[in-house]
């Protein structure tokens, strides 16, 4: 299932939840005020870049984090990634192996560990996770935090807010009446607003565009086998997605010429072999995030669309300018 429909409009369901939303907004504002005026964020000895959002649901943060990790390496940096590890069984800071399982580390960290080409650590406490990472990987020159825009205890040197251009900021109301974790005005204080699809200027006057591109499908049973969209022509194909905005993935497949029967699951859905039995003898395509959870029981009929972020090049220029500033002491 996708995100709640009432988040996109100010209808009766949203209005009924407005008292809770006002309470959430008040608590959120007090937290921001506390960390900006009285509490001292913990600064790391290397720059920290936050890739987050102000709305609940998928926006494209993880693909952008992957792009940043790979791009920073081309610029001579040694990046590392930290993540909360949503859904992981353990809460303590620990590294994610390339063959790590989502039940142990979370789905997005496992995807990052497979593709980022740099250390990936998870832990509920991002400060403790960053410190443990730096102790284990002293050559790290920059930390990327996948999500964590609202984790103010962790000091940051560059903030990126990613917005889904298709859904925007919904009805503009706080959780749970709307999708917002923080008010829209928060976009004015981050260093970069990236809009994934759609018109960037419609979200924020200084926003930069980004897109997600994919042309190759990787076989889950044998990663050495890849095909393009033409492979599925004339075949009966199903598409599954357990992400924040399944419709975006299904639309992407349609734009590639695939005629699929879509089936949406909840974000971070804990897949089991039973979930795929509905198309046991037919092709199933899915996102990479879904694939890391389906690999243990996959067959030759299961495929993942390999997706890469393509952000506006100005984002890289902005980050390099910040990283080239005089480093902090200690």
C-alpha atoms as a PDB file:
ATOM      1  CA  UNK A   1       0.000   0.000   0.000  1.00  0.00           C
ATOM      2  CA  UNK A   2       1.109   3.553  -0.657  1.00  0.00           C
ATOM      3  CA  UNK A   3       1.211   6.454   1.750  1.00  0.00           C
ATOM      4  CA  UNK A   4      -2.199   7.527   3.182  1.00  0.00           C
ATOM      5  CA  UNK A   5      -4.405   9.201   0.590  1.00  0.00           C
ATOM      6  CA  UNK A   6      -5.544  11.887   3.043  1.00  0.00           C
ATOM      7  CA  UNK A   7      -1.985  13.265   3.088  1.00  0.00           C
ATOM      8  CA  UNK A   8      -2.530  14.664  -0.394  1.00  0.00           C
ATOM      9  CA  UNK A   9      -5.693  16.633   0.391  1.00  0.00           C
ATOM     10  CA  UNK A  10      -7.254  18.505   3.290  1.00  0.00           C
ATOM     11  CA  UNK A  11     -10.324  16.298   3.476  1.00  0.00           C
ATOM     12  CA  UNK A  12     -12.398  14.977   6.407  1.00  0.00           C
ATOM     13  CA  UNK A  13      -9.809  12.346   7.425  1.00  0.00           C
ATOM     14  CA  UNK A  14      -7.069  14.952   7.625  1.00  0.00           C
ATOM     15  CA  UNK A  15      -9.276  17.370   9.550  1.00  0.00           C
ATOM     16  CA  UNK A  16     -10.109  14.707  12.146  1.00  0.00           C
ATOM     17  CA  UNK A  17      -6.386  14.208  12.745  1.00  0.00           C
ATOM     18  CA  UNK A  18      -5.617  17.925  12.948  1.00  0.00           C
ATOM     19  CA  UNK A  19      -5.484  18.082  16.794  1.00  0.00           C
ATOM     20  CA  UNK A  20      -2.805  15.388  16.820  1.00  0.00           C
ATOM     21  CA  UNK A  21      -1.023  17.155  13.972  1.00  0.00           C
ATOM     22  CA  UNK A  22      -0.918  20.422  15.910  1.00  0.00           C
ATOM     23  CA  UNK A  23       0.541  18.594  18.912  1.00  0.00           C
ATOM     24  CA  UNK A  24       3.155  16.940  16.701  1.00  0.00           C
ATOM     25  CA  UNK A  25       4.067  20.298  15.159  1.00  0.00           C
ATOM     26  CA  UNK A  26       4.455  21.911  18.590  1.00  0.00           C
ATOM     27  CA  UNK A  27       6.733  19.154  19.871  1.00  0.00           C
ATOM     28  CA  UNK A  28       8.773  19.264  16.661  1.00  0.00           C
ATOM     29  CA  UNK A  29       9.171  23.050  16.933  1.00  0.00           C
ATOM     30  CA  UNK A  30      10.301  22.777  20.569  1.00  0.00           C
ATOM     31  CA  UNK A  31      12.927  20.194  19.596  1.00  0.00           C
ATOM     32  CA  UNK A  32      14.294  22.424  16.845  1.00  0.00           C
ATOM     33  CA  UNK A  33      14.365  25.409  19.197  1.00  0.00           C
ATOM     34  CA  UNK A  34      16.143  23.441  21.913  1.00  0.00           C
ATOM     35  CA  UNK A  35      18.933  22.305  19.595  1.00  0.00           C
ATOM     36  CA  UNK A  36      19.329  25.703  17.966  1.00  0.00           C
ATOM     37  CA  UNK A  37      19.394  27.724  21.201  1.00  0.00           C
ATOM     38  CA  UNK A  38      20.375  25.648  24.208  1.00  0.00           C
ATOM     39  CA  UNK A  39      21.677  22.197  23.357  1.00  0.00           C
ATOM     40  CA  UNK A  40      25.010  21.538  21.672  1.00  0.00           C
ATOM     41  CA  UNK A  41      25.052  19.170  18.686  1.00  0.00           C
ATOM     42  CA  UNK A  42      27.924  16.670  18.608  1.00  0.00           C
ATOM     43  CA  UNK A  43      30.414  17.618  15.907  1.00  0.00           C
ATOM     44  CA  UNK A  44      32.483  14.964  14.183  1.00  0.00           C
ATOM     45  CA  UNK A  45      36.148  15.414  13.233  1.00  0.00           C
ATOM     46  CA  UNK A  46      35.149  15.140   9.535  1.00  0.00           C
ATOM     47  CA  UNK A  47      32.363  16.915   7.637  1.00  0.00           C
ATOM     48  CA  UNK A  48      28.879  15.392   7.851  1.00  0.00           C
ATOM     49  CA  UNK A  49      26.405  15.615   4.975  1.00  0.00           C
ATOM     50  CA  UNK A  50      22.759  14.887   5.785  1.00  0.00           C
ATOM     51  CA  UNK A  51      20.491  13.530   3.036  1.00  0.00           C
ATOM     52  CA  UNK A  52      16.973  13.696   4.422  1.00  0.00           C
ATOM     53  CA  UNK A  53      13.475  15.003   3.883  1.00  0.00           C
ATOM     54  CA  UNK A  54      10.798  16.972   5.680  1.00  0.00           C
ATOM     55  CA  UNK A  55       7.985  14.637   4.629  1.00  0.00           C
ATOM     56  CA  UNK A  56       7.282  11.010   5.409  1.00  0.00           C
ATOM     57  CA  UNK A  57       7.512   8.429   2.663  1.00  0.00           C
ATOM     58  CA  UNK A  58      10.053   7.718  -0.033  1.00  0.00           C
ATOM     59  CA  UNK A  59      11.586  10.638  -1.887  1.00  0.00           C
ATOM     60  CA  UNK A  60      14.761   9.199  -3.423  1.00  0.00           C
ATOM     61  CA  UNK A  61      17.193   9.780  -0.557  1.00  0.00           C
ATOM     62  CA  UNK A  62      18.980   6.436  -0.849  1.00  0.00           C
ATOM     63  CA  UNK A  63      19.731   6.697  -4.606  1.00  0.00           C
ATOM     64  CA  UNK A  64      21.063  10.203  -4.013  1.00  0.00           C
ATOM     65  CA  UNK A  65      23.217   8.923  -1.134  1.00  0.00           C
ATOM     66  CA  UNK A  66      24.626   6.276  -3.479  1.00  0.00           C
ATOM     67  CA  UNK A  67      25.407   8.907  -6.086  1.00  0.00           C
ATOM     68  CA  UNK A  68      27.130  11.105  -3.511  1.00  0.00           C
ATOM     69  CA  UNK A  69      29.263   8.239  -2.197  1.00  0.00           C
ATOM     70  CA  UNK A  70      30.403   7.298  -5.685  1.00  0.00           C
ATOM     71  CA  UNK A  71      30.904  10.900  -6.796  1.00  0.00           C
ATOM     72  CA  UNK A  72      32.911  11.868  -3.690  1.00  0.00           C
ATOM     73  CA  UNK A  73      35.326   9.032  -4.395  1.00  0.00           C
ATOM     74  CA  UNK A  74      35.954  10.480  -7.860  1.00  0.00           C
ATOM     75  CA  UNK A  75      36.816  13.777  -6.143  1.00  0.00           C
ATOM     76  CA  UNK A  76      39.527  12.163  -4.016  1.00  0.00           C
ATOM     77  CA  UNK A  77      37.479  11.734  -0.831  1.00  0.00           C
ATOM     78  CA  UNK A  78      36.990   8.622   1.256  1.00  0.00           C
ATOM     79  CA  UNK A  79      33.297   8.741   2.176  1.00  0.00           C
ATOM     80  CA  UNK A  80      31.389   6.496   4.557  1.00  0.00           C
ATOM     81  CA  UNK A  81      27.655   6.160   5.136  1.00  0.00           C
ATOM     82  CA  UNK A  82      25.610   5.932   8.318  1.00  0.00           C
ATOM     83  CA  UNK A  83      21.951   4.942   8.513  1.00  0.00           C
ATOM     84  CA  UNK A  84      19.440   4.188  11.228  1.00  0.00           C
ATOM     85  CA  UNK A  85      18.797   0.683   9.934  1.00  0.00           C
ATOM     86  CA  UNK A  86      14.993   0.799   9.934  1.00  0.00           C
ATOM     87  CA  UNK A  87      13.539  -2.604  10.805  1.00  0.00           C
ATOM     88  CA  UNK A  88      16.859  -4.083  11.936  1.00  0.00           C
ATOM     89  CA  UNK A  89      16.809  -6.514  14.855  1.00  0.00           C
ATOM     90  CA  UNK A  90      19.708  -4.820  16.647  1.00  0.00           C
ATOM     91  CA  UNK A  91      20.084  -1.172  17.631  1.00  0.00           C
ATOM     92  CA  UNK A  92      23.825  -0.863  18.388  1.00  0.00           C
ATOM     93  CA  UNK A  93      26.350   0.686  15.945  1.00  0.00           C
ATOM     94  CA  UNK A  94      27.871  -1.880  13.583  1.00  0.00           C
ATOM     95  CA  UNK A  95      29.206  -2.187  10.018  1.00  0.00           C
ATOM     96  CA  UNK A  96      27.035  -3.623   7.259  1.00  0.00           C
ATOM     97  CA  UNK A  97      28.716  -6.396   5.247  1.00  0.00           C
ATOM     98  CA  UNK A  98      28.107  -6.584   1.495  1.00  0.00           C
ATOM     99  CA  UNK A  99      26.148  -9.790   2.015  1.00  0.00           C
ATOM    100  CA  UNK A 100      24.265  -8.493   5.071  1.00  0.00           C
ATOM    101  CA  UNK A 101      20.628  -9.451   5.539  1.00  0.00           C
ATOM    102  CA  UNK A 102      17.849  -6.840   5.859  1.00  0.00           C
ATOM    103  CA  UNK A 103      16.540  -8.457   9.047  1.00  0.00           C
ATOM    104  CA  UNK A 104      19.896  -7.730  10.680  1.00  0.00           C
ATOM    105  CA  UNK A 105      20.715  -4.322   9.192  1.00  0.00           C
ATOM    106  CA  UNK A 106      17.652  -2.904   7.397  1.00  0.00           C
ATOM    107  CA  UNK A 107      16.842  -2.933   3.676  1.00  0.00           C
ATOM    108  CA  UNK A 108      18.287   0.424   2.649  1.00  0.00           C
ATOM    109  CA  UNK A 109      21.638  -0.089   4.471  1.00  0.00           C
ATOM    110  CA  UNK A 110      21.999  -3.487   2.763  1.00  0.00           C
ATOM    111  CA  UNK A 111      21.420  -1.854  -0.626  1.00  0.00           C
ATOM    112  CA  UNK A 112      23.959   0.839   0.230  1.00  0.00           C
ATOM    113  CA  UNK A 113      26.526  -1.749   1.345  1.00  0.00           C
ATOM    114  CA  UNK A 114      26.159  -3.589  -1.956  1.00  0.00           C
ATOM    115  CA  UNK A 115      26.535  -0.544  -4.191  1.00  0.00           C
ATOM    116  CA  UNK A 116      28.160   2.400  -2.407  1.00  0.00           C
ATOM    117  CA  UNK A 117      31.739   1.109  -2.574  1.00  0.00           C
ATOM    118  CA  UNK A 118      32.512   2.513   0.871  1.00  0.00           C
ATOM    119  CA  UNK A 119      31.939   1.589   4.542  1.00  0.00           C
ATOM    120  CA  UNK A 120      28.290   1.568   5.643  1.00  0.00           C
ATOM    121  CA  UNK A 121      27.348   1.541   9.335  1.00  0.00           C
ATOM    122  CA  UNK A 122      23.966   1.341  11.033  1.00  0.00           C
ATOM    123  CA  UNK A 123      22.702   2.221  14.493  1.00  0.00           C
ATOM    124  CA  UNK A 124      19.712   3.911  16.083  1.00  0.00           C
ATOM    125  CA  UNK A 125      21.932   6.568  17.703  1.00  0.00           C
ATOM    126  CA  UNK A 126      23.527   8.365  14.759  1.00  0.00           C
ATOM    127  CA  UNK A 127      26.101  10.137  16.943  1.00  0.00           C
ATOM    128  CA  UNK A 128      27.312   6.864  18.445  1.00  0.00           C
ATOM    129  CA  UNK A 129      27.252   5.262  14.987  1.00  0.00           C
ATOM    130  CA  UNK A 130      29.339   8.054  13.440  1.00  0.00           C
ATOM    131  CA  UNK A 131      31.868   7.889  16.289  1.00  0.00           C
ATOM    132  CA  UNK A 132      32.168   4.105  16.034  1.00  0.00           C
ATOM    133  CA  UNK A 133      32.594   4.387  12.276  1.00  0.00           C
ATOM    134  CA  UNK A 134      35.398   6.923  12.573  1.00  0.00           C
ATOM    135  CA  UNK A 135      37.166   4.789  15.175  1.00  0.00           C
ATOM    136  CA  UNK A 136      37.043   1.762  12.871  1.00  0.00           C
ATOM    137  CA  UNK A 137      37.678   3.672   9.622  1.00  0.00           C
ATOM    138  CA  UNK A 138      40.155   6.455  10.495  1.00  0.00           C
ATOM    139  CA  UNK A 139      40.784   7.257   6.836  1.00  0.00           C
ATOM    140  CA  UNK A 140      37.226   8.510   6.355  1.00  0.00           C
ATOM    141  CA  UNK A 141      37.133  12.106   5.109  1.00  0.00           C
ATOM    142  CA  UNK A 142      33.372  12.726   4.958  1.00  0.00           C
ATOM    143  CA  UNK A 143      30.285  11.058   6.448  1.00  0.00           C
ATOM    144  CA  UNK A 144      26.993  10.757   4.579  1.00  0.00           C
ATOM    145  CA  UNK A 145      23.897  10.295   6.726  1.00  0.00           C
ATOM    146  CA  UNK A 146      21.102   8.537   4.853  1.00  0.00           C
ATOM    147  CA  UNK A 147      18.130  10.292   6.478  1.00  0.00           C
ATOM    148  CA  UNK A 148      18.542  12.066   9.827  1.00  0.00           C
ATOM    149  CA  UNK A 149      17.532  15.612   8.928  1.00  0.00           C
ATOM    150  CA  UNK A 150      15.564  15.720  12.188  1.00  0.00           C
ATOM    151  CA  UNK A 151      18.307  14.014  14.248  1.00  0.00           C
ATOM    152  CA  UNK A 152      19.638  17.342  15.530  1.00  0.00           C
ATOM    153  CA  UNK A 153      22.057  15.871  18.064  1.00  0.00           C
ATOM    154  CA  UNK A 154      24.351  15.002  15.182  1.00  0.00           C
ATOM    155  CA  UNK A 155      26.136  18.131  13.982  1.00  0.00           C
ATOM    156  CA  UNK A 156      26.103  18.653  10.253  1.00  0.00           C
ATOM    157  CA  UNK A 157      28.068  20.655   7.694  1.00  0.00           C
ATOM    158  CA  UNK A 158      25.709  20.344   4.724  1.00  0.00           C
ATOM    159  CA  UNK A 159      21.999  19.547   4.667  1.00  0.00           C
ATOM    160  CA  UNK A 160      20.142  18.177   1.642  1.00  0.00           C
ATOM    161  CA  UNK A 161      16.361  17.896   1.676  1.00  0.00           C
ATOM    162  CA  UNK A 162      14.942  15.601  -1.005  1.00  0.00           C
ATOM    163  CA  UNK A 163      11.340  16.107  -2.149  1.00  0.00           C
ATOM    164  CA  UNK A 164       9.264  13.810  -4.339  1.00  0.00           C
ATOM    165  CA  UNK A 165       8.277  16.038  -7.238  1.00  0.00           C
ATOM    166  CA  UNK A 166       5.175  13.974  -8.027  1.00  0.00           C
ATOM    167  CA  UNK A 167       3.648  14.223  -4.551  1.00  0.00           C
ATOM    168  CA  UNK A 168       5.289  17.462  -3.453  1.00  0.00           C
ATOM    169  CA  UNK A 169       4.546  18.233   0.181  1.00  0.00           C
ATOM    170  CA  UNK A 170       1.028  16.840   0.037  1.00  0.00           C
ATOM    171  CA  UNK A 171      -1.595  18.895   1.806  1.00  0.00           C
ATOM    172  CA  UNK A 172       1.138  20.794   3.678  1.00  0.00           C
ATOM    173  CA  UNK A 173      -0.052  19.635   7.105  1.00  0.00           C
ATOM    174  CA  UNK A 174       2.023  17.986   9.869  1.00  0.00           C
ATOM    175  CA  UNK A 175       1.881  14.294  10.700  1.00  0.00           C
ATOM    176  CA  UNK A 176      -0.490  12.489  11.012  1.00  0.00           C
ATOM    177  CA  UNK A 177      -2.962  14.793   9.236  1.00  0.00           C
ATOM    178  CA  UNK A 178      -0.418  15.326   6.466  1.00  0.00           C
ATOM    179  CA  UNK A 179       3.027  14.059   5.497  1.00  0.00           C
ATOM    180  CA  UNK A 180       5.216  16.789   7.037  1.00  0.00           C
ATOM    181  CA  UNK A 181       7.786  16.017   9.721  1.00  0.00           C
ATOM    182  CA  UNK A 182       8.744  19.707   9.738  1.00  0.00           C
ATOM    183  CA  UNK A 183       7.071  22.809   8.258  1.00  0.00           C
ATOM    184  CA  UNK A 184       7.709  23.801   4.662  1.00  0.00           C
ATOM    185  CA  UNK A 185       9.708  26.778   5.934  1.00  0.00           C
ATOM    186  CA  UNK A 186      12.431  24.293   6.956  1.00  0.00           C
ATOM    187  CA  UNK A 187      13.407  24.070   3.284  1.00  0.00           C
ATOM    188  CA  UNK A 188      14.673  27.634   3.567  1.00  0.00           C
ATOM    189  CA  UNK A 189      17.349  26.638   6.086  1.00  0.00           C
ATOM    190  CA  UNK A 190      18.872  23.603   4.346  1.00  0.00           C
ATOM    191  CA  UNK A 191      21.837  23.961   2.007  1.00  0.00           C
ATOM    192  CA  UNK A 192      20.196  22.269  -0.965  1.00  0.00           C
ATOM    193  CA  UNK A 193      16.660  21.222  -1.909  1.00  0.00           C
ATOM    194  CA  UNK A 194      16.612  18.414  -4.481  1.00  0.00           C
ATOM    195  CA  UNK A 195      13.321  17.664  -6.242  1.00  0.00           C
ATOM    196  CA  UNK A 196      13.033  14.147  -7.597  1.00  0.00           C
ATOM    197  CA  UNK A 197      11.005  14.529 -10.792  1.00  0.00           C
ATOM    198  CA  UNK A 198       8.489  17.273 -11.497  1.00  0.00           C
ATOM    199  CA  UNK A 199       9.203  20.994 -11.541  1.00  0.00           C
ATOM    200  CA  UNK A 200      11.751  21.960  -8.894  1.00  0.00           C
ATOM    201  CA  UNK A 201      10.711  25.628  -8.805  1.00  0.00           C
ATOM    202  CA  UNK A 202       7.169  24.627  -7.863  1.00  0.00           C
ATOM    203  CA  UNK A 203       8.497  23.200  -4.583  1.00  0.00           C
ATOM    204  CA  UNK A 204      11.025  25.884  -3.651  1.00  0.00           C
ATOM    205  CA  UNK A 205      12.507  28.816  -5.601  1.00  0.00           C
ATOM    206  CA  UNK A 206      16.085  27.613  -5.030  1.00  0.00           C
ATOM    207  CA  UNK A 207      15.430  23.904  -5.550  1.00  0.00           C
ATOM    208  CA  UNK A 208      17.532  21.833  -7.925  1.00  0.00           C
ATOM    209  CA  UNK A 209      16.163  18.992 -10.059  1.00  0.00           C
ATOM    210  CA  UNK A 210      17.164  15.346  -9.899  1.00  0.00           C
ATOM    211  CA  UNK A 211      15.879  12.232 -11.587  1.00  0.00           C
ATOM    212  CA  UNK A 212      16.153   8.475 -11.222  1.00  0.00           C
ATOM    213  CA  UNK A 213      17.312   6.640 -14.337  1.00  0.00           C
ATOM    214  CA  UNK A 214      17.328   2.916 -14.968  1.00  0.00           C
ATOM    215  CA  UNK A 215      17.629   0.818 -18.122  1.00  0.00           C
ATOM    216  CA  UNK A 216      19.006  -2.486 -16.823  1.00  0.00           C
ATOM    217  CA  UNK A 217      17.321  -5.311 -14.927  1.00  0.00           C
ATOM    218  CA  UNK A 218      19.498  -7.586 -12.784  1.00  0.00           C
ATOM    219  CA  UNK A 219      18.512 -11.184 -12.203  1.00  0.00           C
ATOM    220  CA  UNK A 220      18.089 -11.973  -8.506  1.00  0.00           C
ATOM    221  CA  UNK A 221      19.099 -15.622  -8.808  1.00  0.00           C
ATOM    222  CA  UNK A 222      22.223 -14.828 -10.843  1.00  0.00           C
ATOM    223  CA  UNK A 223      23.549 -11.269 -10.602  1.00  0.00           C
ATOM    224  CA  UNK A 224      25.763 -11.806 -13.662  1.00  0.00           C
ATOM    225  CA  UNK A 225      22.647 -11.906 -15.852  1.00  0.00           C
ATOM    226  CA  UNK A 226      21.236  -8.541 -16.920  1.00  0.00           C
ATOM    227  CA  UNK A 227      18.608  -7.619 -19.510  1.00  0.00           C
ATOM    228  CA  UNK A 228      16.936  -4.508 -20.828  1.00  0.00           C
ATOM    229  CA  UNK A 229      13.247  -3.723 -21.195  1.00  0.00           C
ATOM    230  CA  UNK A 230      13.051  -5.474 -24.574  1.00  0.00           C
ATOM    231  CA  UNK A 231      13.509  -8.827 -22.827  1.00  0.00           C
ATOM    232  CA  UNK A 232      10.027  -8.580 -21.308  1.00  0.00           C
ATOM    233  CA  UNK A 233       8.196  -7.862 -24.567  1.00  0.00           C
ATOM    234  CA  UNK A 234       5.500 -10.469 -25.094  1.00  0.00           C
ATOM    235  CA  UNK A 235       5.939 -11.914 -21.600  1.00  0.00           C
ATOM    236  CA  UNK A 236       3.462 -11.791 -18.745  1.00  0.00           C
ATOM    237  CA  UNK A 237       5.114  -9.447 -16.226  1.00  0.00           C
ATOM    238  CA  UNK A 238       4.196  -8.450 -12.673  1.00  0.00           C
ATOM    239  CA  UNK A 239       5.692  -5.502 -10.807  1.00  0.00           C
ATOM    240  CA  UNK A 240       5.945  -5.273  -7.024  1.00  0.00           C
ATOM    241  CA  UNK A 241       7.073  -2.359  -4.883  1.00  0.00           C
ATOM    242  CA  UNK A 242       7.342  -1.952  -1.123  1.00  0.00           C
ATOM    243  CA  UNK A 243       8.550   1.655  -1.122  1.00  0.00           C
ATOM    244  CA  UNK A 244       7.182   5.018  -0.051  1.00  0.00           C
ATOM    245  CA  UNK A 245       5.747   5.825  -3.489  1.00  0.00           C
ATOM    246  CA  UNK A 246       5.081   2.619  -5.463  1.00  0.00           C
ATOM    247  CA  UNK A 247       3.253   4.550  -8.189  1.00  0.00           C
ATOM    248  CA  UNK A 248       6.513   6.256  -9.166  1.00  0.00           C
ATOM    249  CA  UNK A 249       8.180   2.891  -9.796  1.00  0.00           C
ATOM    250  CA  UNK A 250       5.219   1.558 -11.769  1.00  0.00           C
ATOM    251  CA  UNK A 251       5.155   4.740 -13.879  1.00  0.00           C
ATOM    252  CA  UNK A 252       8.884   4.386 -14.545  1.00  0.00           C
ATOM    253  CA  UNK A 253       8.351   0.851 -15.837  1.00  0.00           C
ATOM    254  CA  UNK A 254       5.525   2.092 -18.064  1.00  0.00           C
ATOM    255  CA  UNK A 255       7.760   4.805 -19.482  1.00  0.00           C
ATOM    256  CA  UNK A 256      10.278   2.087 -20.359  1.00  0.00           C
ATOM    257  CA  UNK A 257       7.627   0.304 -22.419  1.00  0.00           C
ATOM    258  CA  UNK A 258       6.794  -2.449 -19.938  1.00  0.00           C
ATOM    259  CA  UNK A 259       3.181  -3.495 -19.538  1.00  0.00           C
ATOM    260  CA  UNK A 260       3.071  -4.769 -15.962  1.00  0.00           C
ATOM    261  CA  UNK A 261       0.450  -5.839 -13.494  1.00  0.00           C
ATOM    262  CA  UNK A 262       1.322  -3.755 -10.410  1.00  0.00           C
ATOM    263  CA  UNK A 263       1.124  -4.893  -6.812  1.00  0.00           C
ATOM    264  CA  UNK A 264       2.038  -2.421  -4.047  1.00  0.00           C
ATOM    265  CA  UNK A 265       3.187  -3.385  -0.569  1.00  0.00           C
ATOM    266  CA  UNK A 266       3.777  -1.219   2.499  1.00  0.00           C
ATOM    267  CA  UNK A 267       7.080   0.634   2.702  1.00  0.00           C
ATOM    268  CA  UNK A 268       9.795  -1.630   4.202  1.00  0.00           C
ATOM    269  CA  UNK A 269       7.533  -4.661   3.762  1.00  0.00           C
ATOM    270  CA  UNK A 270       9.240  -7.797   5.194  1.00  0.00           C
ATOM    271  CA  UNK A 271       8.907 -10.051   2.161  1.00  0.00           C
ATOM    272  CA  UNK A 272       8.605 -13.820   2.433  1.00  0.00           C
ATOM    273  CA  UNK A 273       8.529 -16.447  -0.308  1.00  0.00           C
ATOM    274  CA  UNK A 274       4.743 -16.573   0.066  1.00  0.00           C
ATOM    275  CA  UNK A 275       4.461 -12.974  -1.176  1.00  0.00           C
ATOM    276  CA  UNK A 276       5.747 -14.003  -4.607  1.00  0.00           C
ATOM    277  CA  UNK A 277       3.671 -17.156  -5.071  1.00  0.00           C
ATOM    278  CA  UNK A 278       0.939 -15.219  -6.874  1.00  0.00           C
ATOM    279  CA  UNK A 279       3.160 -15.257  -9.994  1.00  0.00           C
ATOM    280  CA  UNK A 280       5.193 -18.404  -9.446  1.00  0.00           C
ATOM    281  CA  UNK A 281       5.716 -19.147 -13.145  1.00  0.00           C
ATOM    282  CA  UNK A 282       5.775 -15.571 -14.453  1.00  0.00           C
ATOM    283  CA  UNK A 283       8.264 -12.727 -14.498  1.00  0.00           C
ATOM    284  CA  UNK A 284       8.384 -10.341 -11.521  1.00  0.00           C
ATOM    285  CA  UNK A 285      10.244  -7.024 -11.577  1.00  0.00           C
ATOM    286  CA  UNK A 286      10.929  -5.000  -8.444  1.00  0.00           C
ATOM    287  CA  UNK A 287      13.002  -2.198  -6.977  1.00  0.00           C
ATOM    288  CA  UNK A 288      16.521  -2.781  -5.664  1.00  0.00           C
ATOM    289  CA  UNK A 289      15.254  -2.054  -2.165  1.00  0.00           C
ATOM    290  CA  UNK A 290      12.738  -4.896  -2.498  1.00  0.00           C
ATOM    291  CA  UNK A 291      15.348  -7.140  -4.100  1.00  0.00           C
ATOM    292  CA  UNK A 292      17.676  -7.244  -1.073  1.00  0.00           C
ATOM    293  CA  UNK A 293      14.808  -8.804   0.893  1.00  0.00           C
ATOM    294  CA  UNK A 294      13.699 -11.196  -1.859  1.00  0.00           C
ATOM    295  CA  UNK A 295      17.152 -12.530  -2.836  1.00  0.00           C
ATOM    296  CA  UNK A 296      17.134 -15.464  -0.340  1.00  0.00           C
ATOM    297  CA  UNK A 297      14.107 -17.053  -2.031  1.00  0.00           C
ATOM    298  CA  UNK A 298      14.434 -15.651  -5.547  1.00  0.00           C
ATOM    299  CA  UNK A 299      14.233 -17.560  -8.813  1.00  0.00           C
ATOM    300  CA  UNK A 300      15.399 -16.948 -12.369  1.00  0.00           C
ATOM    301  CA  UNK A 301      12.076 -15.161 -13.020  1.00  0.00           C
ATOM    302  CA  UNK A 302      12.779 -12.362 -10.535  1.00  0.00           C
ATOM    303  CA  UNK A 303      14.438  -9.115 -11.628  1.00  0.00           C
ATOM    304  CA  UNK A 304      15.482  -5.818 -10.032  1.00  0.00           C
ATOM    305  CA  UNK A 305      15.619  -2.532 -11.915  1.00  0.00           C
ATOM    306  CA  UNK A 306      19.033  -0.967 -11.301  1.00  0.00           C
ATOM    307  CA  UNK A 307      18.440   2.745 -10.676  1.00  0.00           C
ATOM    308  CA  UNK A 308      20.892   5.637 -10.456  1.00  0.00           C
ATOM    309  CA  UNK A 309      20.264   9.201  -9.335  1.00  0.00           C
ATOM    310  CA  UNK A 310      21.091  12.025 -11.721  1.00  0.00           C
ATOM    311  CA  UNK A 311      21.157  15.263  -9.707  1.00  0.00           C
ATOM    312  CA  UNK A 312      21.752  18.735 -11.053  1.00  0.00           C
ATOM    313  CA  UNK A 313      25.572  19.174 -11.302  1.00  0.00           C
ATOM    314  CA  UNK A 314      25.340  22.319  -9.193  1.00  0.00           C
ATOM    315  CA  UNK A 315      24.827  20.106  -6.145  1.00  0.00           C
ATOM    316  CA  UNK A 316      28.352  18.751  -6.500  1.00  0.00           C
ATOM    317  CA  UNK A 317      29.775  22.252  -6.885  1.00  0.00           C
ATOM    318  CA  UNK A 318      28.010  23.377  -3.707  1.00  0.00           C
ATOM    319  CA  UNK A 319      29.301  20.425  -1.711  1.00  0.00           C
ATOM    320  CA  UNK A 320      32.892  20.792  -2.934  1.00  0.00           C
ATOM    321  CA  UNK A 321      32.851  24.475  -2.026  1.00  0.00           C
ATOM    322  CA  UNK A 322      31.766  23.587   1.506  1.00  0.00           C
ATOM    323  CA  UNK A 323      34.276  20.763   1.901  1.00  0.00           C
ATOM    324  CA  UNK A 324      37.111  22.982   0.696  1.00  0.00           C
ATOM    325  CA  UNK A 325      36.522  25.454   3.496  1.00  0.00           C
ATOM    326  CA  UNK A 326      39.045  25.429   6.361  1.00  0.00           C
ATOM    327  CA  UNK A 327      38.543  22.180   8.300  1.00  0.00           C
ATOM    328  CA  UNK A 328      37.525  22.241  11.963  1.00  0.00           C
ATOM    329  CA  UNK A 329      39.962  21.394  14.711  1.00  0.00           C
ATOM    330  CA  UNK A 330      39.903  17.944  16.341  1.00  0.00           C
END
